[in-house]
Amino acid sequence: MRKLALIVALAASPAAATEIAIEVEGEANGTIVIDLLEDVAPGHAERIATLAAEGAYDGVVFHRVIDGFMAQTGDVEFGRMGQNMRMAGMGGSDKPDLRAEFSDIPFDRGVVGMARSQNPNSANSQFFIMFDEGYFLNGQYTVVGRVTEGMDVVDAIKRGTGQNGAVVGKPDVMAKVTVIE
């Protein structure tokens, strides 16, 4: 019976998922492929793969986009197209927060990091993609992946305004996020 439970649990989780494909719609249109770094941040990589496999990221907007810095998305609670966008960025998933998994990988262009609150152990579902280097984030945020295809799509994501990069009007959206096995 225990063997059956283990097989069922393994089948329910994304097996050795190392990449996700994000279909972006809006000002940016196309596919972004991200290599999840399971060897660097296993808990965070597993969380993103699980949420993608569940369809939780489908329809979630890029709510915070700062030119020359990064594009943030992944608020599966408040960040869906059609919701009150003033709440976008304040939510997460129904899963527990993650402990930080800091590494020596620098925040270069195309690196994907996990968003969090002031507490280093508060990452949940939100992540960001770097437009340019941001070395002040090194050792402060968990690096979870790297863009391997579609950096031109990342570069085309609609920019936000003001210091916080809040997107005004219709934001770009992750129409569909899938796990590539």
N, C-alpha and C. Protein backbone atom coordinates (compact mmCIF):
# COMPACT_ATOMS: atom_id res chain seq x y z
N MET A 1 0.81 -1.19 0.00
CA MET A 1 0.00 0.00 0.00
C MET A 1 0.86 1.27 0.00
N ARG A 2 1.96 1.25 0.77
CA ARG A 2 2.85 2.42 0.81
C ARG A 2 3.49 2.65 -0.55
N LYS A 3 3.82 1.56 -1.24
CA LYS A 3 4.44 1.67 -2.56
C LYS A 3 3.47 2.34 -3.53
N LEU A 4 2.20 1.97 -3.47
CA LEU A 4 1.19 2.56 -4.33
C LEU A 4 1.05 4.05 -4.03
N ALA A 5 1.04 4.43 -2.76
CA ALA A 5 0.93 5.84 -2.39
C ALA A 5 2.12 6.64 -2.92
N LEU A 6 3.32 6.04 -2.87
CA LEU A 6 4.50 6.72 -3.39
C LEU A 6 4.41 6.90 -4.89
N ILE A 7 3.96 5.88 -5.60
CA ILE A 7 3.81 5.99 -7.06
C ILE A 7 2.79 7.06 -7.42
N VAL A 8 1.67 7.11 -6.71
CA VAL A 8 0.65 8.12 -6.95
C VAL A 8 1.21 9.51 -6.67
N ALA A 9 1.96 9.68 -5.59
CA ALA A 9 2.55 10.98 -5.25
C ALA A 9 3.54 11.43 -6.31
N LEU A 10 4.37 10.51 -6.78
CA LEU A 10 5.34 10.86 -7.82
C LEU A 10 4.65 11.22 -9.13
N ALA A 11 3.59 10.51 -9.47
CA ALA A 11 2.87 10.80 -10.71
C ALA A 11 2.18 12.15 -10.65
N ALA A 12 1.78 12.59 -9.46
CA ALA A 12 1.09 13.86 -9.30
C ALA A 12 2.02 15.05 -9.35
N SER A 13 3.30 14.83 -9.09
CA SER A 13 4.25 15.95 -9.10
C SER A 13 4.95 16.01 -10.45
N PRO A 14 5.40 17.21 -10.85
CA PRO A 14 6.10 17.33 -12.12
C PRO A 14 7.45 16.61 -12.06
N ALA A 15 7.56 15.51 -12.75
CA ALA A 15 8.76 14.67 -12.70
C ALA A 15 9.91 15.32 -13.45
N ALA A 16 10.98 15.61 -12.74
CA ALA A 16 12.21 16.13 -13.33
C ALA A 16 11.95 17.27 -14.31
N ALA A 17 10.99 18.12 -13.98
CA ALA A 17 10.67 19.25 -14.84
C ALA A 17 11.80 20.28 -14.73
N THR A 18 12.44 20.55 -15.84
CA THR A 18 13.56 21.49 -15.79
C THR A 18 13.26 22.78 -16.51
N GLU A 19 12.18 22.82 -17.28
CA GLU A 19 11.87 24.05 -18.02
C GLU A 19 10.38 24.34 -17.97
N ILE A 20 10.05 25.62 -18.08
CA ILE A 20 8.67 26.03 -18.29
C ILE A 20 8.63 26.91 -19.53
N ALA A 21 7.52 26.85 -20.23
CA ALA A 21 7.28 27.72 -21.39
C ALA A 21 6.14 28.66 -21.04
N ILE A 22 6.36 29.95 -21.21
CA ILE A 22 5.36 30.97 -20.90
C ILE A 22 4.90 31.61 -22.20
N GLU A 23 3.62 31.45 -22.53
CA GLU A 23 3.03 32.10 -23.71
C GLU A 23 2.55 33.47 -23.25
N VAL A 24 3.17 34.52 -23.77
CA VAL A 24 2.86 35.89 -23.37
C VAL A 24 1.97 36.55 -24.42
N GLU A 25 0.94 37.27 -23.95
CA GLU A 25 0.06 38.03 -24.83
C GLU A 25 -0.05 39.45 -24.31
N GLY A 26 -0.16 40.40 -25.23
CA GLY A 26 -0.28 41.81 -24.90
C GLY A 26 0.61 42.61 -25.82
N GLU A 27 1.30 43.60 -25.29
CA GLU A 27 2.28 44.32 -26.10
C GLU A 27 3.40 43.38 -26.53
N ALA A 28 3.75 42.46 -25.64
CA ALA A 28 4.70 41.40 -25.96
C ALA A 28 3.89 40.17 -26.36
N ASN A 29 4.30 39.52 -27.43
CA ASN A 29 3.63 38.31 -27.88
C ASN A 29 4.69 37.29 -28.24
N GLY A 30 4.59 36.11 -27.66
CA GLY A 30 5.55 35.07 -27.97
C GLY A 30 5.77 34.18 -26.78
N THR A 31 6.81 33.38 -26.87
CA THR A 31 7.10 32.38 -25.85
C THR A 31 8.43 32.66 -25.17
N ILE A 32 8.41 32.56 -23.85
CA ILE A 32 9.63 32.64 -23.03
C ILE A 32 9.85 31.25 -22.46
N VAL A 33 11.05 30.71 -22.62
CA VAL A 33 11.40 29.43 -22.03
C VAL A 33 12.39 29.68 -20.90
N ILE A 34 12.08 29.12 -19.74
CA ILE A 34 12.92 29.30 -18.55
C ILE A 34 13.42 27.94 -18.09
N ASP A 35 14.73 27.84 -17.92
CA ASP A 35 15.36 26.66 -17.34
C ASP A 35 15.31 26.83 -15.83
N LEU A 36 14.58 25.95 -15.15
CA LEU A 36 14.51 25.99 -13.69
C LEU A 36 15.75 25.31 -13.12
N LEU A 37 16.38 25.94 -12.16
CA LEU A 37 17.65 25.46 -11.62
C LEU A 37 17.41 24.64 -10.35
N GLU A 38 16.98 23.38 -10.56
CA GLU A 38 16.68 22.49 -9.43
C GLU A 38 17.88 22.24 -8.54
N ASP A 39 19.08 22.24 -9.13
CA ASP A 39 20.29 21.99 -8.35
C ASP A 39 20.67 23.18 -7.48
N VAL A 40 20.18 24.36 -7.82
CA VAL A 40 20.50 25.59 -7.09
C VAL A 40 19.41 25.93 -6.07
N ALA A 41 18.16 25.82 -6.50
CA ALA A 41 17.02 26.18 -5.65
C ALA A 41 15.92 25.13 -5.82
N PRO A 42 16.12 23.94 -5.27
CA PRO A 42 15.17 22.84 -5.52
C PRO A 42 13.75 23.13 -5.05
N GLY A 43 13.59 23.75 -3.91
CA GLY A 43 12.25 24.04 -3.41
C GLY A 43 11.52 25.06 -4.27
N HIS A 44 12.22 26.09 -4.68
CA HIS A 44 11.61 27.14 -5.50
C HIS A 44 11.31 26.63 -6.91
N ALA A 45 12.24 25.86 -7.49
CA ALA A 45 12.02 25.29 -8.82
C ALA A 45 10.81 24.36 -8.81
N GLU A 46 10.72 23.55 -7.77
CA GLU A 46 9.58 22.63 -7.65
C GLU A 46 8.28 23.40 -7.52
N ARG A 47 8.28 24.50 -6.77
CA ARG A 47 7.06 25.30 -6.58
C ARG A 47 6.59 25.87 -7.91
N ILE A 48 7.49 26.47 -8.68
CA ILE A 48 7.09 27.05 -9.96
C ILE A 48 6.58 25.96 -10.89
N ALA A 49 7.28 24.82 -10.96
CA ALA A 49 6.85 23.72 -11.82
C ALA A 49 5.48 23.19 -11.40
N THR A 50 5.26 23.07 -10.11
CA THR A 50 3.97 22.57 -9.61
C THR A 50 2.84 23.53 -9.96
N LEU A 51 3.04 24.82 -9.71
CA LEU A 51 2.00 25.81 -10.02
C LEU A 51 1.74 25.86 -11.52
N ALA A 52 2.78 25.74 -12.33
CA ALA A 52 2.61 25.72 -13.78
C ALA A 52 1.81 24.49 -14.21
N ALA A 53 2.16 23.33 -13.65
CA ALA A 53 1.47 22.08 -14.00
C ALA A 53 -0.01 22.13 -13.59
N GLU A 54 -0.30 22.84 -12.51
CA GLU A 54 -1.69 22.97 -12.04
C GLU A 54 -2.48 24.01 -12.84
N GLY A 55 -1.80 24.79 -13.69
CA GLY A 55 -2.47 25.84 -14.44
C GLY A 55 -2.66 27.12 -13.64
N ALA A 56 -2.03 27.21 -12.48
CA ALA A 56 -2.22 28.36 -11.59
C ALA A 56 -1.70 29.66 -12.19
N TYR A 57 -0.69 29.59 -13.06
CA TYR A 57 -0.12 30.80 -13.65
C TYR A 57 -0.88 31.27 -14.90
N ASP A 58 -1.75 30.45 -15.44
CA ASP A 58 -2.47 30.83 -16.65
C ASP A 58 -3.36 32.04 -16.39
N GLY A 59 -3.20 33.08 -17.22
CA GLY A 59 -4.01 34.28 -17.07
C GLY A 59 -3.48 35.29 -16.07
N VAL A 60 -2.28 35.06 -15.52
CA VAL A 60 -1.70 35.97 -14.52
C VAL A 60 -0.87 37.04 -15.25
N VAL A 61 -1.03 38.28 -14.82
CA VAL A 61 -0.40 39.43 -15.50
C VAL A 61 1.01 39.72 -14.97
N PHE A 62 1.75 40.46 -15.78
CA PHE A 62 3.00 41.08 -15.34
C PHE A 62 2.58 42.40 -14.69
N HIS A 63 2.54 42.44 -13.37
CA HIS A 63 1.96 43.57 -12.64
C HIS A 63 2.97 44.66 -12.27
N ARG A 64 4.24 44.31 -12.23
CA ARG A 64 5.29 45.27 -11.84
C ARG A 64 6.42 45.14 -12.82
N VAL A 65 6.62 46.17 -13.64
CA VAL A 65 7.62 46.10 -14.71
C VAL A 65 8.40 47.41 -14.71
N ILE A 66 9.68 47.31 -14.36
CA ILE A 66 10.53 48.50 -14.25
C ILE A 66 11.59 48.45 -15.35
N ASP A 67 11.53 49.44 -16.24
CA ASP A 67 12.46 49.51 -17.36
C ASP A 67 13.90 49.48 -16.87
N GLY A 68 14.72 48.66 -17.51
CA GLY A 68 16.13 48.55 -17.13
C GLY A 68 16.37 47.70 -15.91
N PHE A 69 15.32 47.14 -15.32
CA PHE A 69 15.46 46.34 -14.10
C PHE A 69 14.83 44.96 -14.27
N MET A 70 13.49 44.86 -14.14
CA MET A 70 12.87 43.54 -14.18
C MET A 70 11.37 43.62 -14.46
N ALA A 71 10.80 42.42 -14.81
CA ALA A 71 9.36 42.25 -15.00
C ALA A 71 8.90 41.21 -13.99
N GLN A 72 7.91 41.57 -13.16
CA GLN A 72 7.44 40.67 -12.10
C GLN A 72 6.03 40.18 -12.41
N THR A 73 5.80 38.91 -12.09
CA THR A 73 4.52 38.25 -12.32
C THR A 73 4.34 37.13 -11.29
N GLY A 74 3.30 36.35 -11.45
CA GLY A 74 3.15 35.15 -10.63
C GLY A 74 2.22 35.25 -9.44
N ASP A 75 1.50 36.36 -9.30
CA ASP A 75 0.56 36.47 -8.18
C ASP A 75 -0.71 35.70 -8.56
N VAL A 76 -0.75 34.43 -8.17
CA VAL A 76 -1.88 33.57 -8.56
C VAL A 76 -3.14 33.86 -7.75
N GLU A 77 -3.03 34.66 -6.70
CA GLU A 77 -4.18 35.02 -5.88
C GLU A 77 -4.88 36.28 -6.39
N PHE A 78 -4.13 37.33 -6.65
CA PHE A 78 -4.72 38.62 -7.04
C PHE A 78 -4.30 39.12 -8.41
N GLY A 79 -3.48 38.37 -9.13
CA GLY A 79 -2.91 38.88 -10.37
C GLY A 79 -3.53 38.39 -11.66
N ARG A 80 -4.75 37.89 -11.62
CA ARG A 80 -5.39 37.41 -12.85
C ARG A 80 -6.01 38.56 -13.63
N MET A 81 -5.93 38.44 -14.94
CA MET A 81 -6.56 39.42 -15.82
C MET A 81 -8.03 39.54 -15.44
N GLY A 82 -8.51 40.76 -15.32
CA GLY A 82 -9.91 40.99 -14.98
C GLY A 82 -10.14 41.27 -13.50
N GLN A 83 -9.15 40.97 -12.66
CA GLN A 83 -9.30 41.28 -11.24
C GLN A 83 -8.90 42.74 -11.00
N ASN A 84 -9.11 43.20 -9.78
CA ASN A 84 -8.71 44.54 -9.38
C ASN A 84 -7.18 44.58 -9.35
N MET A 85 -6.58 45.25 -10.31
CA MET A 85 -5.12 45.25 -10.44
C MET A 85 -4.41 45.98 -9.30
N ARG A 86 -5.14 46.72 -8.49
CA ARG A 86 -4.50 47.38 -7.34
C ARG A 86 -4.01 46.37 -6.30
N MET A 87 -4.58 45.17 -6.31
CA MET A 87 -4.19 44.11 -5.38
C MET A 87 -3.05 43.25 -5.94
N ALA A 88 -2.84 43.32 -7.25
CA ALA A 88 -1.81 42.47 -7.88
C ALA A 88 -0.46 42.71 -7.23
N GLY A 89 0.21 41.64 -6.90
CA GLY A 89 1.51 41.73 -6.24
C GLY A 89 1.44 41.53 -4.74
N MET A 90 0.23 41.48 -4.19
CA MET A 90 0.07 41.32 -2.74
C MET A 90 -0.24 39.88 -2.34
N GLY A 91 -0.42 39.00 -3.32
CA GLY A 91 -0.85 37.65 -3.00
C GLY A 91 0.17 36.58 -3.34
N GLY A 92 -0.25 35.37 -3.12
CA GLY A 92 0.58 34.20 -3.42
C GLY A 92 -0.32 33.04 -3.74
N SER A 93 0.13 31.85 -3.44
CA SER A 93 -0.67 30.65 -3.68
C SER A 93 -1.21 30.15 -2.35
N ASP A 94 -1.91 29.03 -2.40
CA ASP A 94 -2.43 28.43 -1.17
C ASP A 94 -1.38 27.53 -0.51
N LYS A 95 -0.18 27.52 -1.05
CA LYS A 95 0.91 26.70 -0.52
C LYS A 95 1.73 27.52 0.48
N PRO A 96 2.45 26.87 1.38
CA PRO A 96 3.23 27.62 2.38
C PRO A 96 4.39 28.38 1.74
N ASP A 97 4.81 29.44 2.40
CA ASP A 97 5.97 30.20 1.94
C ASP A 97 7.21 29.31 1.97
N LEU A 98 8.21 29.71 1.18
CA LEU A 98 9.45 28.93 1.03
C LEU A 98 10.60 29.57 1.79
N ARG A 99 11.48 28.71 2.30
CA ARG A 99 12.72 29.20 2.91
C ARG A 99 13.66 29.64 1.79
N ALA A 100 14.41 30.69 2.04
CA ALA A 100 15.36 31.20 1.04
C ALA A 100 16.36 30.11 0.65
N GLU A 101 16.74 30.11 -0.62
CA GLU A 101 17.76 29.22 -1.15
C GLU A 101 18.77 30.08 -1.91
N PHE A 102 19.53 30.86 -1.17
CA PHE A 102 20.48 31.78 -1.79
C PHE A 102 21.63 31.01 -2.43
N SER A 103 22.22 31.59 -3.47
CA SER A 103 23.33 30.96 -4.18
C SER A 103 24.33 32.04 -4.59
N ASP A 104 25.38 31.60 -5.26
CA ASP A 104 26.39 32.53 -5.76
C ASP A 104 26.09 33.00 -7.19
N ILE A 105 24.96 32.59 -7.75
CA ILE A 105 24.62 33.00 -9.12
C ILE A 105 24.20 34.46 -9.10
N PRO A 106 24.86 35.29 -9.91
CA PRO A 106 24.52 36.72 -9.92
C PRO A 106 23.24 37.02 -10.69
N PHE A 107 22.60 38.09 -10.34
CA PHE A 107 21.40 38.54 -11.03
C PHE A 107 21.80 39.28 -12.31
N ASP A 108 22.08 38.49 -13.34
CA ASP A 108 22.41 39.01 -14.67
C ASP A 108 21.15 39.12 -15.51
N ARG A 109 21.27 39.69 -16.69
CA ARG A 109 20.17 39.76 -17.66
C ARG A 109 19.66 38.34 -17.93
N GLY A 110 18.33 38.16 -17.86
CA GLY A 110 17.72 36.88 -18.14
C GLY A 110 17.60 35.95 -16.95
N VAL A 111 18.17 36.32 -15.82
CA VAL A 111 18.06 35.50 -14.61
C VAL A 111 16.65 35.68 -14.03
N VAL A 112 16.11 34.60 -13.48
CA VAL A 112 14.79 34.61 -12.87
C VAL A 112 14.96 34.46 -11.37
N GLY A 113 14.36 35.38 -10.62
CA GLY A 113 14.42 35.34 -9.17
C GLY A 113 13.04 35.24 -8.57
N MET A 114 12.97 34.78 -7.33
CA MET A 114 11.70 34.70 -6.61
C MET A 114 11.45 36.00 -5.86
N ALA A 115 10.26 36.54 -6.05
CA ALA A 115 9.87 37.73 -5.32
C ALA A 115 9.50 37.33 -3.89
N ARG A 116 9.62 38.28 -2.98
CA ARG A 116 9.30 38.03 -1.58
C ARG A 116 9.01 39.35 -0.89
N SER A 117 8.57 39.28 0.36
CA SER A 117 8.38 40.48 1.17
C SER A 117 9.71 40.79 1.86
N GLN A 118 9.68 41.58 2.91
CA GLN A 118 10.90 41.91 3.66
C GLN A 118 11.53 40.67 4.29
N ASN A 119 10.72 39.67 4.58
CA ASN A 119 11.20 38.43 5.18
C ASN A 119 11.85 37.56 4.10
N PRO A 120 13.12 37.21 4.22
CA PRO A 120 13.79 36.40 3.20
C PRO A 120 13.13 35.04 2.97
N ASN A 121 12.36 34.55 3.95
CA ASN A 121 11.71 33.25 3.85
C ASN A 121 10.22 33.37 3.52
N SER A 122 9.88 34.33 2.66
CA SER A 122 8.48 34.58 2.35
C SER A 122 8.13 34.40 0.87
N ALA A 123 9.05 33.89 0.06
CA ALA A 123 8.73 33.64 -1.36
C ALA A 123 7.62 32.61 -1.43
N ASN A 124 6.74 32.76 -2.44
CA ASN A 124 5.62 31.83 -2.55
C ASN A 124 5.36 31.46 -4.01
N SER A 125 4.82 32.39 -4.79
CA SER A 125 4.49 32.07 -6.19
C SER A 125 5.03 33.11 -7.17
N GLN A 126 5.29 34.31 -6.70
CA GLN A 126 5.71 35.38 -7.60
C GLN A 126 7.20 35.28 -7.96
N PHE A 127 7.49 35.64 -9.20
CA PHE A 127 8.87 35.63 -9.66
C PHE A 127 9.10 36.81 -10.59
N PHE A 128 10.36 37.10 -10.86
CA PHE A 128 10.70 38.22 -11.75
C PHE A 128 11.81 37.80 -12.69
N ILE A 129 11.83 38.45 -13.86
CA ILE A 129 12.83 38.20 -14.90
C ILE A 129 13.62 39.49 -15.08
N MET A 130 14.94 39.38 -15.02
CA MET A 130 15.81 40.55 -15.11
C MET A 130 15.96 41.04 -16.56
N PHE A 131 15.73 42.36 -16.78
CA PHE A 131 16.03 42.99 -18.07
C PHE A 131 17.52 43.25 -18.19
N ASP A 132 18.15 43.51 -17.07
CA ASP A 132 19.57 43.89 -17.02
C ASP A 132 20.12 43.35 -15.70
N GLU A 133 21.40 43.54 -15.49
CA GLU A 133 21.99 43.06 -14.24
C GLU A 133 21.46 43.88 -13.05
N GLY A 134 21.37 43.23 -11.92
CA GLY A 134 20.92 43.85 -10.68
C GLY A 134 21.67 43.23 -9.52
N TYR A 135 22.97 43.47 -9.48
CA TYR A 135 23.83 42.78 -8.51
C TYR A 135 23.51 43.13 -7.06
N PHE A 136 22.79 44.20 -6.82
CA PHE A 136 22.40 44.53 -5.45
C PHE A 136 21.42 43.48 -4.89
N LEU A 137 20.86 42.64 -5.77
CA LEU A 137 19.97 41.56 -5.33
C LEU A 137 20.74 40.30 -4.93
N ASN A 138 22.01 40.22 -5.33
CA ASN A 138 22.80 39.02 -5.07
C ASN A 138 22.82 38.68 -3.58
N GLY A 139 22.55 37.43 -3.25
CA GLY A 139 22.55 36.98 -1.87
C GLY A 139 21.37 37.46 -1.06
N GLN A 140 20.45 38.20 -1.70
CA GLN A 140 19.27 38.72 -1.01
C GLN A 140 17.98 38.05 -1.48
N TYR A 141 18.00 37.55 -2.71
CA TYR A 141 16.85 36.90 -3.33
C TYR A 141 17.30 35.57 -3.91
N THR A 142 16.38 34.62 -4.00
CA THR A 142 16.68 33.30 -4.54
C THR A 142 16.66 33.31 -6.06
N VAL A 143 17.75 32.87 -6.67
CA VAL A 143 17.79 32.66 -8.11
C VAL A 143 17.16 31.30 -8.37
N VAL A 144 16.14 31.27 -9.23
CA VAL A 144 15.41 30.03 -9.48
C VAL A 144 15.52 29.54 -10.92
N GLY A 145 15.97 30.42 -11.82
CA GLY A 145 16.03 29.99 -13.21
C GLY A 145 16.75 30.99 -14.09
N ARG A 146 16.72 30.64 -15.39
CA ARG A 146 17.40 31.47 -16.40
C ARG A 146 16.62 31.35 -17.71
N VAL A 147 16.38 32.48 -18.38
CA VAL A 147 15.71 32.47 -19.68
C VAL A 147 16.66 31.86 -20.70
N THR A 148 16.18 30.85 -21.43
CA THR A 148 16.99 30.21 -22.47
C THR A 148 16.50 30.55 -23.87
N GLU A 149 15.24 30.96 -23.98
CA GLU A 149 14.65 31.39 -25.25
C GLU A 149 13.64 32.49 -24.97
N GLY A 150 13.53 33.43 -25.90
CA GLY A 150 12.48 34.44 -25.80
C GLY A 150 12.85 35.70 -25.04
N MET A 151 14.14 36.00 -24.96
CA MET A 151 14.52 37.25 -24.28
C MET A 151 13.97 38.46 -25.04
N ASP A 152 13.75 38.32 -26.35
CA ASP A 152 13.12 39.40 -27.12
C ASP A 152 11.69 39.62 -26.66
N VAL A 153 11.01 38.56 -26.25
CA VAL A 153 9.64 38.68 -25.71
C VAL A 153 9.69 39.39 -24.36
N VAL A 154 10.65 39.00 -23.52
CA VAL A 154 10.82 39.66 -22.21
C VAL A 154 11.04 41.16 -22.43
N ASP A 155 11.93 41.50 -23.37
CA ASP A 155 12.24 42.91 -23.63
C ASP A 155 11.03 43.71 -24.10
N ALA A 156 10.04 43.05 -24.69
CA ALA A 156 8.87 43.74 -25.22
C ALA A 156 7.73 43.87 -24.21
N ILE A 157 7.86 43.30 -23.01
CA ILE A 157 6.79 43.37 -22.01
C ILE A 157 6.49 44.83 -21.67
N LYS A 158 5.20 45.14 -21.59
CA LYS A 158 4.75 46.51 -21.31
C LYS A 158 5.32 47.00 -19.99
N ARG A 159 5.95 48.17 -20.04
CA ARG A 159 6.57 48.77 -18.86
C ARG A 159 5.54 49.46 -17.98
N GLY A 160 5.85 49.46 -16.69
CA GLY A 160 5.04 50.17 -15.72
C GLY A 160 5.51 51.60 -15.59
N THR A 161 4.87 52.33 -14.69
CA THR A 161 5.22 53.72 -14.46
C THR A 161 5.59 53.94 -13.00
N GLY A 162 6.24 55.04 -12.75
CA GLY A 162 6.61 55.40 -11.39
C GLY A 162 7.72 54.54 -10.83
N GLN A 163 8.12 54.85 -9.63
CA GLN A 163 9.23 54.16 -8.97
C GLN A 163 8.94 52.68 -8.74
N ASN A 164 7.67 52.33 -8.50
CA ASN A 164 7.30 50.95 -8.21
C ASN A 164 7.04 50.13 -9.48
N GLY A 165 6.92 50.78 -10.64
CA GLY A 165 6.72 50.06 -11.89
C GLY A 165 5.34 49.46 -12.07
N ALA A 166 4.32 50.04 -11.40
CA ALA A 166 2.96 49.53 -11.55
C ALA A 166 2.49 49.73 -12.99
N VAL A 167 1.94 48.68 -13.58
CA VAL A 167 1.48 48.74 -14.96
C VAL A 167 0.10 49.39 -14.99
N VAL A 168 -0.04 50.42 -15.82
CA VAL A 168 -1.30 51.15 -15.97
C VAL A 168 -1.99 50.66 -17.24
N GLY A 169 -3.31 50.55 -17.18
CA GLY A 169 -4.05 50.06 -18.34
C GLY A 169 -3.99 48.54 -18.40
N LYS A 170 -3.98 48.01 -19.61
CA LYS A 170 -4.00 46.56 -19.79
C LYS A 170 -2.58 46.02 -19.76
N PRO A 171 -2.24 45.22 -18.73
CA PRO A 171 -0.89 44.65 -18.64
C PRO A 171 -0.73 43.44 -19.57
N ASP A 172 0.50 43.08 -19.85
CA ASP A 172 0.78 41.84 -20.56
C ASP A 172 0.48 40.68 -19.61
N VAL A 173 0.16 39.53 -20.18
CA VAL A 173 -0.32 38.41 -19.39
C VAL A 173 0.37 37.10 -19.80
N MET A 174 0.57 36.24 -18.81
CA MET A 174 1.02 34.89 -19.09
C MET A 174 -0.23 34.09 -19.45
N ALA A 175 -0.53 34.01 -20.73
CA ALA A 175 -1.76 33.35 -21.18
C ALA A 175 -1.76 31.87 -20.80
N LYS A 176 -0.61 31.22 -20.97
CA LYS A 176 -0.49 29.78 -20.67
C LYS A 176 0.94 29.50 -20.26
N VAL A 177 1.09 28.76 -19.16
CA VAL A 177 2.42 28.37 -18.68
C VAL A 177 2.42 26.84 -18.58
N THR A 178 3.36 26.22 -19.27
CA THR A 178 3.43 24.77 -19.28
C THR A 178 4.80 24.28 -18.87
N VAL A 179 4.81 23.09 -18.33
CA VAL A 179 6.06 22.43 -17.94
C VAL A 179 6.55 21.64 -19.15
N ILE A 180 7.82 21.82 -19.48
CA ILE A 180 8.45 21.07 -20.57
C ILE A 180 9.21 19.92 -19.96
N GLU A 181 8.84 18.73 -20.33
CA GLU A 181 9.50 17.54 -19.76
C GLU A 181 10.49 16.95 -20.73
